[in-house]
Amino acid sequence: MNTLAWNCRGTCARGFGSLVKDTSKEYETSLMFLLETHSYKDSTNRIIPKLGFNNHFIQDGHGQSGGVWCL
C-alpha cells in the first residue's frame, strides 16, 4: 500500500485535479493526505469527486488550521 502526504497549497488551481490523478496513478497511491488550510466546503465538494478515489474524509479549514483531505 502506497501512501502520499502533500502540503498542496492551491487546491483550487486549474490543473490541480489532473495533477492529483496523474500522481496517484504514477505512484499507485492507495491513501492520499492533502493538506490545504485555505480549502472550504464549497470548493472541496466540487473537486473531490473528480479525483478518482473511492472514499474520502474532509476536515474543513478554519483560518490557518484544519484543511485535511484523506482520500
Protein backbone atom coordinates (compact mmCIF):
# COMPACT_ATOMS: atom_id res chain seq x y z
CA MET A 1 0.00 0.00 0.00
CA ASN A 2 1.47 3.35 -1.05
CA THR A 3 0.63 6.47 0.96
CA LEU A 4 1.24 10.05 -0.11
CA ALA A 5 1.07 13.17 2.09
CA TRP A 6 1.23 16.52 0.33
CA ASN A 7 1.01 20.12 1.54
CA CYS A 8 -0.51 21.13 -1.77
CA ARG A 9 -1.08 24.91 -1.34
CA GLY A 10 -3.52 25.50 -4.17
CA THR A 11 -6.36 23.03 -4.46
CA CYS A 12 -8.41 25.50 -6.50
CA ALA A 13 -5.71 25.89 -9.14
CA ARG A 14 -6.74 24.98 -12.68
CA GLY A 15 -4.50 21.89 -13.08
CA PHE A 16 -4.81 20.55 -9.53
CA GLY A 17 -7.25 17.72 -10.28
CA SER A 18 -5.27 16.27 -13.17
CA LEU A 19 -2.03 16.59 -11.19
CA VAL A 20 -3.51 14.57 -8.29
CA LYS A 21 -4.88 11.91 -10.66
CA ASP A 22 -1.58 11.61 -12.54
CA THR A 23 0.47 11.44 -9.32
CA SER A 24 -1.87 8.86 -7.82
CA LYS A 25 -1.67 6.70 -10.93
CA GLU A 26 2.13 7.01 -11.28
CA TYR A 27 2.84 6.00 -7.68
CA GLU A 28 -0.14 3.59 -7.38
CA THR A 29 -1.35 5.51 -4.33
CA SER A 30 -3.87 3.76 -2.08
CA LEU A 31 -4.14 6.51 0.53
CA MET A 32 -3.51 10.22 -0.03
CA PHE A 33 -3.43 13.04 2.54
CA LEU A 34 -3.78 16.51 1.09
CA LEU A 35 -3.13 19.44 3.43
CA GLU A 36 -4.70 22.76 2.45
CA THR A 37 -5.58 25.23 5.20
CA HIS A 38 -7.47 27.54 2.85
CA SER A 39 -9.93 24.99 1.49
CA TYR A 40 -13.62 25.42 2.13
CA LYS A 41 -16.65 23.19 1.79
CA ASP A 42 -18.00 24.59 -1.50
CA SER A 43 -14.75 24.20 -3.43
CA THR A 44 -13.89 20.91 -1.72
CA ASN A 45 -17.21 19.31 -2.65
CA ARG A 46 -16.68 20.38 -6.25
CA ILE A 47 -13.13 18.99 -6.51
CA ILE A 48 -13.19 15.71 -4.54
CA PRO A 49 -15.49 13.68 -6.86
CA LYS A 50 -13.20 14.43 -9.83
CA LEU A 51 -10.09 12.95 -8.20
CA GLY A 52 -11.00 9.28 -8.66
CA PHE A 53 -10.81 7.93 -5.10
CA ASN A 54 -13.50 5.61 -3.71
CA ASN A 55 -13.74 7.13 -0.22
CA HIS A 56 -12.79 10.38 1.45
CA PHE A 57 -12.80 12.23 4.76
CA ILE A 58 -12.55 16.02 4.86
CA GLN A 59 -11.72 18.35 7.74
CA ASP A 60 -12.55 21.85 6.50
CA GLY A 61 -10.12 24.68 7.01
CA HIS A 62 -10.80 27.32 9.68
CA GLY A 63 -8.44 30.26 9.41
CA GLN A 64 -4.93 28.79 9.50
CA SER A 65 -5.92 25.35 10.83
CA GLY A 66 -7.69 22.30 9.51
CA GLY A 67 -7.90 21.69 5.80
CA VAL A 68 -7.01 17.98 5.71
CA TRP A 69 -8.31 15.72 2.97
CA CYS A 70 -7.91 11.96 3.41
CA LEU A 71 -8.60 10.19 0.12
